N, C-alpha and C. Protein backbone atom coordinates (compact mmCIF):
# COMPACT_ATOMS: atom_id res chain seq x y z
N MET A 1 184.89 77.89 55.10
CA MET A 1 184.29 78.18 54.23
C MET A 1 183.58 77.51 53.16
N VAL A 2 182.10 77.34 52.93
CA VAL A 2 181.67 76.73 52.00
C VAL A 2 181.75 77.45 50.57
N PRO A 3 182.23 77.01 49.44
CA PRO A 3 182.59 77.56 48.31
C PRO A 3 181.26 78.30 47.54
N ASP A 4 181.09 78.82 46.95
CA ASP A 4 179.92 79.95 46.42
C ASP A 4 180.26 79.71 44.93
N ASP A 5 179.19 80.65 44.46
CA ASP A 5 179.04 80.75 42.75
C ASP A 5 180.28 81.78 42.39
N VAL A 6 180.60 82.51 42.99
CA VAL A 6 181.79 83.31 42.85
C VAL A 6 183.15 82.56 42.70
N ASP A 7 183.36 81.81 43.60
CA ASP A 7 184.41 80.50 43.66
C ASP A 7 184.35 80.05 42.74
N ALA A 8 183.55 79.50 41.90
CA ALA A 8 183.55 79.18 40.73
C ALA A 8 183.61 79.88 39.36
N ILE A 9 183.19 80.54 39.67
CA ILE A 9 183.26 81.92 38.59
C ILE A 9 184.99 82.01 38.49
N VAL A 10 185.61 82.14 39.54
CA VAL A 10 186.93 82.77 39.60
C VAL A 10 187.95 81.33 39.13
N ALA A 11 187.44 80.52 39.46
CA ALA A 11 188.20 79.02 39.42
C ALA A 11 188.19 79.00 37.83
N ALA A 12 187.10 78.94 37.38
CA ALA A 12 186.72 79.31 35.72
C ALA A 12 187.73 80.22 34.83
N TRP A 13 188.05 81.15 35.47
CA TRP A 13 188.47 82.42 34.67
C TRP A 13 189.99 82.25 35.08
N ARG A 14 190.72 81.47 35.96
CA ARG A 14 191.88 81.17 36.53
C ARG A 14 192.10 79.97 35.69
N ARG A 15 191.17 78.78 35.30
CA ARG A 15 191.61 78.05 34.25
C ARG A 15 191.46 78.39 32.84
N GLU A 16 190.57 79.51 32.22
CA GLU A 16 190.57 79.85 31.45
C GLU A 16 191.70 80.80 30.64
N ARG A 17 191.91 81.86 31.81
CA ARG A 17 192.83 82.84 31.51
C ARG A 17 194.00 82.98 32.90
N PRO A 18 194.74 81.85 32.76
CA PRO A 18 196.10 82.07 34.00
C PRO A 18 196.78 82.91 33.94
N ASP A 19 196.61 83.71 32.77
CA ASP A 19 197.44 84.82 32.66
C ASP A 19 197.14 86.27 33.30
N LEU A 20 195.85 86.21 33.76
CA LEU A 20 195.22 87.40 34.28
C LEU A 20 194.96 87.10 35.97
N ASP A 21 195.23 87.98 36.52
CA ASP A 21 194.98 88.08 38.53
C ASP A 21 193.41 88.40 38.39
N VAL A 22 192.51 87.38 39.08
CA VAL A 22 191.15 87.93 38.61
C VAL A 22 190.89 87.94 40.44
N SER A 23 191.87 88.08 41.14
CA SER A 23 191.55 88.03 42.36
C SER A 23 190.56 88.96 42.81
N PRO A 24 190.27 90.05 42.01
CA PRO A 24 189.30 91.44 42.02
C PRO A 24 187.84 90.67 42.50
N LEU A 25 187.70 89.78 41.45
CA LEU A 25 186.58 89.23 41.66
C LEU A 25 185.80 88.51 42.44
N GLN A 26 186.63 87.92 43.51
CA GLN A 26 186.18 87.66 45.02
C GLN A 26 185.99 88.58 45.63
N ILE A 27 186.21 89.81 45.87
CA ILE A 27 185.81 91.01 46.64
C ILE A 27 184.38 91.49 46.03
N LEU A 28 184.76 92.07 44.36
CA LEU A 28 183.58 92.88 43.67
C LEU A 28 182.53 91.95 43.13
N SER A 29 182.96 91.16 42.80
CA SER A 29 181.69 90.26 42.52
C SER A 29 180.45 89.73 43.64
N ARG A 30 181.44 89.57 44.49
CA ARG A 30 180.22 89.70 46.11
C ARG A 30 180.23 90.79 46.10
N VAL A 31 180.54 92.12 46.09
CA VAL A 31 180.08 93.10 46.53
C VAL A 31 178.69 93.35 45.49
N GLY A 32 178.54 93.43 44.29
CA GLY A 32 177.58 93.44 43.74
C GLY A 32 176.64 92.57 43.68
N ARG A 33 177.01 91.69 44.32
CA ARG A 33 175.73 90.24 44.40
C ARG A 33 174.63 90.98 45.51
N LEU A 34 175.55 91.43 46.67
CA LEU A 34 175.12 91.66 47.94
C LEU A 34 174.25 92.81 47.59
N ALA A 35 174.80 94.16 46.91
CA ALA A 35 174.54 95.39 46.52
C ALA A 35 172.98 95.24 45.80
N ARG A 36 172.92 94.27 44.65
CA ARG A 36 171.64 93.37 44.11
C ARG A 36 171.10 92.84 44.91
N ARG A 37 170.95 92.27 46.20
CA ARG A 37 170.45 91.59 47.59
C ARG A 37 169.57 92.69 47.79
N LEU A 38 170.72 93.85 48.76
CA LEU A 38 170.34 94.68 49.44
C LEU A 38 169.43 95.62 48.65
N ASP A 39 169.51 96.03 47.29
CA ASP A 39 168.28 96.68 46.57
C ASP A 39 167.50 96.06 46.79
N HIS A 40 166.79 94.99 46.70
CA HIS A 40 165.89 94.06 46.56
C HIS A 40 165.29 94.24 48.05
N ALA A 41 166.18 94.22 49.10
CA ALA A 41 165.43 94.38 50.68
C ALA A 41 164.78 95.72 50.78
N ARG A 42 165.91 96.37 50.46
CA ARG A 42 164.62 97.71 50.88
C ARG A 42 163.87 98.10 50.09
N SER A 43 163.50 97.48 48.47
CA SER A 43 162.53 98.14 48.06
C SER A 43 161.19 97.58 48.26
N ALA A 44 161.40 95.98 48.84
CA ALA A 44 160.64 95.46 49.94
C ALA A 44 160.46 96.13 51.04
N ALA A 45 160.71 96.49 51.87
CA ALA A 45 160.98 97.19 53.05
C ALA A 45 160.08 98.55 53.04
N PHE A 46 160.36 99.27 51.60
CA PHE A 46 159.74 100.70 51.22
C PHE A 46 158.63 100.22 50.38
N ALA A 47 158.05 99.19 49.57
CA ALA A 47 156.96 98.57 49.34
C ALA A 47 156.22 98.51 50.36
N ALA A 48 156.19 97.99 51.66
CA ALA A 48 155.72 97.49 52.75
C ALA A 48 155.05 98.91 53.26
N HIS A 49 155.61 100.18 53.05
CA HIS A 49 155.11 101.42 53.24
C HIS A 49 154.19 102.06 52.10
N ASP A 50 154.44 101.78 50.96
CA ASP A 50 153.69 102.28 49.87
C ASP A 50 154.94 103.38 49.56
N LEU A 51 155.96 103.35 49.62
CA LEU A 51 157.34 104.60 49.32
C LEU A 51 158.17 103.44 48.20
N GLU A 52 158.50 104.60 47.89
CA GLU A 52 159.73 104.61 46.63
C GLU A 52 161.25 104.42 47.37
N LEU A 53 162.15 104.14 46.74
CA LEU A 53 163.06 104.73 47.54
C LEU A 53 163.56 106.02 47.41
N TRP A 54 162.94 106.93 45.98
CA TRP A 54 163.61 108.02 45.88
C TRP A 54 162.92 108.93 47.35
N GLU A 55 161.36 108.04 47.29
CA GLU A 55 160.79 109.29 48.33
C GLU A 55 161.04 108.84 49.88
N PHE A 56 161.60 107.84 50.24
CA PHE A 56 162.30 107.20 51.55
C PHE A 56 163.68 108.57 51.60
N ASP A 57 164.36 108.72 50.44
CA ASP A 57 165.26 109.31 50.62
C ASP A 57 165.68 110.75 50.75
N VAL A 58 164.10 111.28 50.50
CA VAL A 58 163.54 112.57 50.77
C VAL A 58 163.00 112.75 52.24
N LEU A 59 162.37 111.83 52.52
CA LEU A 59 161.30 111.85 53.92
C LEU A 59 162.63 111.24 55.07
N SER A 60 164.04 110.55 54.37
CA SER A 60 164.87 110.28 55.81
C SER A 60 165.60 111.57 56.02
N ALA A 61 166.11 112.16 54.70
CA ALA A 61 166.68 113.76 54.73
C ALA A 61 166.40 114.79 55.93
N LEU A 62 164.68 114.78 55.24
CA LEU A 62 164.29 115.90 56.91
C LEU A 62 164.19 115.12 58.17
N ARG A 63 163.89 113.76 57.93
CA ARG A 63 164.11 113.21 59.74
C ARG A 63 165.05 113.12 60.26
N ARG A 64 166.16 113.13 59.37
CA ARG A 64 167.56 113.10 60.12
C ARG A 64 168.09 114.62 60.11
N ALA A 65 167.42 115.55 60.05
CA ALA A 65 167.44 117.31 60.06
C ALA A 65 167.02 117.40 61.52
N GLY A 66 166.32 116.40 62.36
CA GLY A 66 165.69 116.73 63.53
C GLY A 66 164.69 117.43 63.40
N ALA A 67 163.98 117.75 64.55
CA ALA A 67 163.00 118.54 64.57
C ALA A 67 163.55 119.86 64.64
N PRO A 68 162.32 120.54 63.81
CA PRO A 68 160.86 120.47 63.20
C PRO A 68 161.14 119.94 61.88
N TYR A 69 161.89 119.43 61.26
CA TYR A 69 162.01 118.22 60.01
C TYR A 69 161.71 119.50 58.96
N GLU A 70 162.97 120.16 58.57
CA GLU A 70 162.45 120.81 58.09
C GLU A 70 163.73 121.46 56.72
N LEU A 71 163.60 121.68 55.68
CA LEU A 71 165.14 121.67 54.94
C LEU A 71 164.67 122.62 53.79
N SER A 72 165.69 123.15 53.25
CA SER A 72 165.21 123.81 52.02
C SER A 72 165.32 123.19 50.62
N PRO A 73 164.72 123.25 49.47
CA PRO A 73 164.75 122.45 48.29
C PRO A 73 166.38 122.00 48.35
N GLY A 74 167.37 123.13 47.64
CA GLY A 74 168.64 123.15 47.83
C GLY A 74 169.43 121.65 48.85
N LYS A 75 168.94 121.61 49.85
CA LYS A 75 169.56 121.26 50.89
C LYS A 75 169.10 119.61 50.85
N LEU A 76 167.84 119.22 50.44
CA LEU A 76 167.54 118.14 49.92
C LEU A 76 167.93 117.52 49.19
N ALA A 77 168.24 118.44 47.68
CA ALA A 77 168.84 118.17 46.83
C ALA A 77 170.21 117.41 46.78
N GLU A 78 170.85 118.14 47.87
CA GLU A 78 172.31 117.60 48.19
C GLU A 78 172.50 116.80 49.02
N ALA A 79 171.55 116.75 50.18
CA ALA A 79 171.62 115.43 50.87
C ALA A 79 170.59 114.24 49.95
N THR A 80 170.24 114.24 48.70
CA THR A 80 170.11 112.89 48.28
C THR A 80 170.66 112.75 46.75
N LEU A 81 171.50 113.68 46.14
CA LEU A 81 172.18 113.73 45.55
C LEU A 81 171.74 113.45 44.06
N VAL A 82 170.76 114.84 43.82
CA VAL A 82 169.84 115.02 42.88
C VAL A 82 169.81 116.83 42.57
N THR A 83 169.58 116.94 40.90
CA THR A 83 169.39 118.06 40.60
C THR A 83 168.13 118.80 41.29
N SER A 84 168.46 120.25 41.32
CA SER A 84 167.08 121.07 41.60
C SER A 84 165.92 120.84 41.12
N GLY A 85 165.99 120.67 39.59
CA GLY A 85 165.03 120.60 39.18
C GLY A 85 163.88 118.89 39.52
N THR A 86 164.95 117.97 39.82
CA THR A 86 164.67 116.41 40.35
C THR A 86 163.96 116.80 41.65
N MET A 87 164.38 117.82 42.21
CA MET A 87 164.04 117.77 43.63
C MET A 87 162.91 118.71 43.56
N THR A 88 162.94 119.51 42.85
CA THR A 88 161.27 120.47 42.64
C THR A 88 160.19 119.19 42.41
N ASN A 89 160.45 118.85 41.33
CA ASN A 89 159.56 117.33 40.93
C ASN A 89 159.34 116.33 42.32
N ARG A 90 159.99 116.01 42.83
CA ARG A 90 160.36 115.44 43.91
C ARG A 90 159.08 115.81 45.19
N ILE A 91 159.43 117.15 45.36
CA ILE A 91 158.37 117.77 46.42
C ILE A 91 157.30 117.44 46.02
N ASP A 92 156.88 118.33 45.29
CA ASP A 92 155.75 118.29 44.30
C ASP A 92 154.90 116.99 44.44
N ARG A 93 155.28 115.77 44.57
CA ARG A 93 154.96 114.84 44.10
C ARG A 93 154.46 114.39 46.02
N LEU A 94 155.46 114.30 46.80
CA LEU A 94 155.56 114.15 48.10
C LEU A 94 154.50 115.11 48.65
N LEU A 95 153.96 116.51 48.32
CA LEU A 95 153.25 117.32 48.82
C LEU A 95 151.94 116.39 48.25
N ALA A 96 151.54 116.18 47.27
CA ALA A 96 150.33 115.52 46.81
C ALA A 96 149.98 114.32 47.57
N ARG A 97 150.89 114.00 48.14
CA ARG A 97 150.64 112.80 49.42
C ARG A 97 150.42 113.26 50.44
N GLY A 98 150.48 114.23 50.85
CA GLY A 98 150.31 115.03 51.85
C GLY A 98 151.74 114.24 53.20
N LEU A 99 152.58 113.72 52.80
CA LEU A 99 153.84 113.52 53.34
C LEU A 99 154.67 115.01 53.69
N VAL A 100 154.53 115.54 53.09
CA VAL A 100 155.52 116.51 53.24
C VAL A 100 154.58 118.04 53.03
N SER A 101 155.25 119.59 53.43
CA SER A 101 154.32 120.81 53.15
C SER A 101 155.30 121.43 53.05
N ARG A 102 155.18 122.41 52.04
CA ARG A 102 155.89 123.32 51.79
C ARG A 102 155.46 124.78 52.30
N ARG A 103 156.24 125.96 52.68
CA ARG A 103 156.20 127.39 53.16
C ARG A 103 156.93 127.87 52.75
N PRO A 104 156.74 129.20 52.45
CA PRO A 104 157.98 130.13 52.19
C PRO A 104 158.86 130.70 53.16
N SER A 105 160.42 130.61 52.74
CA SER A 105 161.12 130.90 54.40
C SER A 105 161.36 131.99 54.75
N ARG A 106 161.46 132.22 55.85
CA ARG A 106 161.33 133.44 56.85
C ARG A 106 162.47 134.46 56.50
N ARG A 107 163.95 133.59 56.20
CA ARG A 107 165.21 134.05 55.63
C ARG A 107 165.26 134.78 54.59
N ASP A 108 164.73 134.00 53.46
CA ASP A 108 164.81 134.89 52.39
C ASP A 108 163.55 134.25 51.29
N ARG A 109 162.47 135.48 51.31
CA ARG A 109 161.70 136.07 50.23
C ARG A 109 161.70 135.32 49.06
N ARG A 110 162.53 134.43 48.65
CA ARG A 110 162.79 133.84 47.28
C ARG A 110 162.60 132.53 47.83
N GLY A 111 162.95 131.79 48.70
CA GLY A 111 163.01 130.63 49.37
C GLY A 111 161.85 129.98 49.41
N VAL A 112 162.11 128.42 49.59
CA VAL A 112 160.86 128.06 50.56
C VAL A 112 161.48 126.93 51.58
N ILE A 113 160.75 126.38 52.31
CA ILE A 113 160.99 124.95 53.04
C ILE A 113 160.14 124.36 52.93
N VAL A 114 160.69 123.09 53.04
CA VAL A 114 159.88 121.78 53.09
C VAL A 114 159.88 121.13 54.19
N THR A 115 158.78 120.70 54.99
CA THR A 115 158.66 120.01 56.27
C THR A 115 158.13 118.98 55.79
N LEU A 116 158.69 118.09 56.93
CA LEU A 116 158.12 116.81 57.33
C LEU A 116 156.76 116.88 57.74
N THR A 117 155.49 116.43 57.21
CA THR A 117 153.88 116.26 57.90
C THR A 117 153.84 115.20 58.90
N PRO A 118 152.99 115.49 59.60
CA PRO A 118 152.89 114.27 60.50
C PRO A 118 152.58 112.93 60.07
N ASP A 119 151.71 112.65 58.83
CA ASP A 119 152.01 111.74 57.99
C ASP A 119 153.19 111.21 57.27
N GLY A 120 154.30 111.96 57.08
CA GLY A 120 155.45 111.49 56.53
C GLY A 120 156.42 110.96 57.42
N LEU A 121 156.20 111.55 58.78
CA LEU A 121 157.23 111.14 60.21
C LEU A 121 156.48 109.92 60.01
N ASP A 122 155.43 109.32 60.21
CA ASP A 122 154.94 108.20 60.69
C ASP A 122 155.26 107.06 59.58
N CYS A 123 155.19 107.73 58.50
CA CYS A 123 155.83 106.65 57.03
C CYS A 123 157.32 106.47 57.42
N VAL A 124 158.07 107.71 57.14
CA VAL A 124 159.46 107.33 57.73
C VAL A 124 160.05 106.84 58.57
N ASP A 125 159.43 106.71 59.54
CA ASP A 125 159.55 105.79 61.09
C ASP A 125 159.11 104.58 61.00
N GLY A 126 157.84 104.17 60.15
CA GLY A 126 157.51 102.63 59.83
C GLY A 126 158.47 101.97 58.99
N ALA A 127 158.92 102.78 57.84
CA ALA A 127 159.31 102.15 56.81
C ALA A 127 161.20 102.20 57.33
N MET A 128 161.65 103.08 58.21
CA MET A 128 163.13 102.72 58.44
C MET A 128 163.19 101.30 59.20
N THR A 129 162.34 101.37 60.25
CA THR A 129 162.17 99.79 61.14
C THR A 129 161.88 98.85 60.65
N THR A 130 161.19 98.87 59.50
CA THR A 130 161.08 97.83 58.66
C THR A 130 162.56 97.63 58.26
N LEU A 131 163.27 98.58 57.69
CA LEU A 131 164.26 98.24 56.67
C LEU A 131 165.11 97.91 57.54
N LEU A 132 165.65 98.20 58.57
CA LEU A 132 166.72 98.05 59.97
C LEU A 132 166.60 96.46 60.05
N ASP A 133 164.80 95.91 60.00
CA ASP A 133 164.69 94.47 60.36
C ASP A 133 165.37 93.93 59.20
N HIS A 134 164.67 94.18 57.90
CA HIS A 134 165.62 93.30 56.72
C HIS A 134 166.82 93.41 56.87
N GLU A 135 167.84 94.67 56.86
CA GLU A 135 168.94 94.67 57.40
C GLU A 135 169.72 94.10 58.15
N ARG A 136 169.12 93.75 59.28
CA ARG A 136 169.82 92.78 60.41
C ARG A 136 169.37 91.50 59.69
N ALA A 137 168.87 90.91 59.18
CA ALA A 137 168.40 89.76 58.79
C ALA A 137 169.43 89.40 57.70
N LEU A 138 170.10 90.26 56.88
CA LEU A 138 170.77 90.29 55.66
C LEU A 138 172.24 90.16 56.51
N LEU A 139 172.55 90.39 57.77
CA LEU A 139 173.79 90.34 58.53
C LEU A 139 173.84 89.27 59.42
N ALA A 140 172.78 88.59 59.28
CA ALA A 140 172.53 87.84 60.69
C ALA A 140 173.69 86.65 60.69
N GLY A 141 174.84 86.50 59.25
CA GLY A 141 175.51 85.25 59.44
C GLY A 141 177.00 86.02 59.92
N LEU A 142 176.41 87.00 59.98
CA LEU A 142 177.96 87.52 60.85
C LEU A 142 177.81 88.04 62.10
N ASP A 143 178.47 87.73 63.39
CA ASP A 143 178.98 88.15 64.31
C ASP A 143 179.17 89.95 64.17
N GLN A 144 179.00 90.33 65.81
CA GLN A 144 179.11 92.09 65.71
C GLN A 144 180.76 92.23 65.77
N PRO A 145 181.85 91.67 65.79
CA PRO A 145 182.98 92.24 65.41
C PRO A 145 183.62 92.05 63.79
N ASP A 146 182.87 91.04 63.42
CA ASP A 146 182.94 90.27 61.53
C ASP A 146 181.82 91.86 61.50
N ARG A 147 181.29 92.39 61.93
CA ARG A 147 180.40 93.07 61.10
C ARG A 147 181.21 94.74 61.45
N GLU A 148 181.86 95.18 62.54
CA GLU A 148 182.46 96.06 62.50
C GLU A 148 183.64 96.22 62.11
N ARG A 149 184.64 95.13 61.42
CA ARG A 149 185.64 95.23 60.70
C ARG A 149 185.12 95.31 59.54
N LEU A 150 184.15 94.59 58.94
CA LEU A 150 183.47 94.97 57.46
C LEU A 150 183.19 96.47 57.08
N ALA A 151 182.38 97.05 58.17
CA ALA A 151 182.33 98.53 58.21
C ALA A 151 183.20 99.03 57.50
N GLN A 152 184.46 98.58 58.71
CA GLN A 152 185.97 99.84 58.27
C GLN A 152 186.39 99.32 57.14
N LEU A 153 186.64 97.70 56.46
CA LEU A 153 186.98 97.81 55.43
C LEU A 153 186.30 98.56 54.49
N LEU A 154 185.13 98.34 54.35
CA LEU A 154 184.44 99.23 53.32
C LEU A 154 184.23 100.58 53.44
N ARG A 155 184.07 101.08 54.34
CA ARG A 155 184.87 102.64 54.33
C ARG A 155 186.00 102.88 54.23
N ALA A 156 187.21 102.00 53.91
CA ALA A 156 188.58 102.25 53.57
C ALA A 156 188.54 102.02 51.92
N LEU A 157 187.57 100.99 51.12
CA LEU A 157 187.26 100.96 50.27
C LEU A 157 186.91 102.19 49.46
N GLN A 158 185.82 103.17 50.00
CA GLN A 158 185.22 103.99 49.52
C GLN A 158 186.00 104.89 49.61
N ALA A 159 186.95 105.23 50.98
CA ALA A 159 187.88 106.27 50.29
C ALA A 159 188.93 105.97 49.54
N GLY A 160 189.34 104.84 49.37
CA GLY A 160 190.59 104.31 48.20
C GLY A 160 189.65 104.60 46.99
N LEU A 161 188.88 105.01 46.74
CA LEU A 161 188.05 105.31 45.29
C LEU A 161 187.24 106.38 45.33
N GLY A 162 187.51 107.56 46.17
CA GLY A 162 187.72 108.74 45.98
C GLY A 162 186.14 109.13 46.10
N LEU A 163 185.45 108.34 46.95
CA LEU A 163 184.06 108.73 47.31
C LEU A 163 183.98 109.42 48.43
N PRO A 164 182.83 110.71 48.17
CA PRO A 164 183.29 111.47 50.02
C PRO A 164 182.60 110.60 51.09
N ALA A 165 183.56 110.29 52.22
CA ALA A 165 182.81 110.07 53.76
C ALA A 165 181.28 110.65 54.00
N ARG A 166 181.02 111.51 53.79
CA ARG A 166 179.82 112.02 54.12
C ARG A 166 179.22 112.28 52.85
N SER A 167 177.61 112.17 52.93
CA SER A 167 177.01 112.58 51.62
C SER A 167 176.14 113.66 51.96
N ASP A 168 175.39 114.03 53.81
CA ASP A 168 174.57 114.89 54.38
C ASP A 168 175.46 116.24 55.07
């Protein structure tokens, strides 16, 4: 393997503080750098479809719900990890763009249902295709067995941190 900037940082810390175990930097500094790169790639993918990250989150939650692509605002808030007040604001903004519609719930007269519009469906599907193209490019340096092993290791790290296995 060719040394990278994290190797240089770790070597410098080992030189300056030989009393410390700086081995976590070898993993978590790279994870942080990769996260920033992934955020940039995702922002670019969504911008190509005139979307912001939060808009994609809401639209993709509706898309993943399956036809007829509808959820209550509460379920959308749960799926996107935001408060109900934040979700109300987001729904209003997506309504104004014509990407979702809102109607009274048939089951609960006080509730509403948010539905992906045809324009919203086209938008989220296009953004997802672009996103996956960008993410495949980021993973091009790994073969399939390495990708699968990395996914397993990251899943174990996530579980070890007490993060939920599912967010939807």
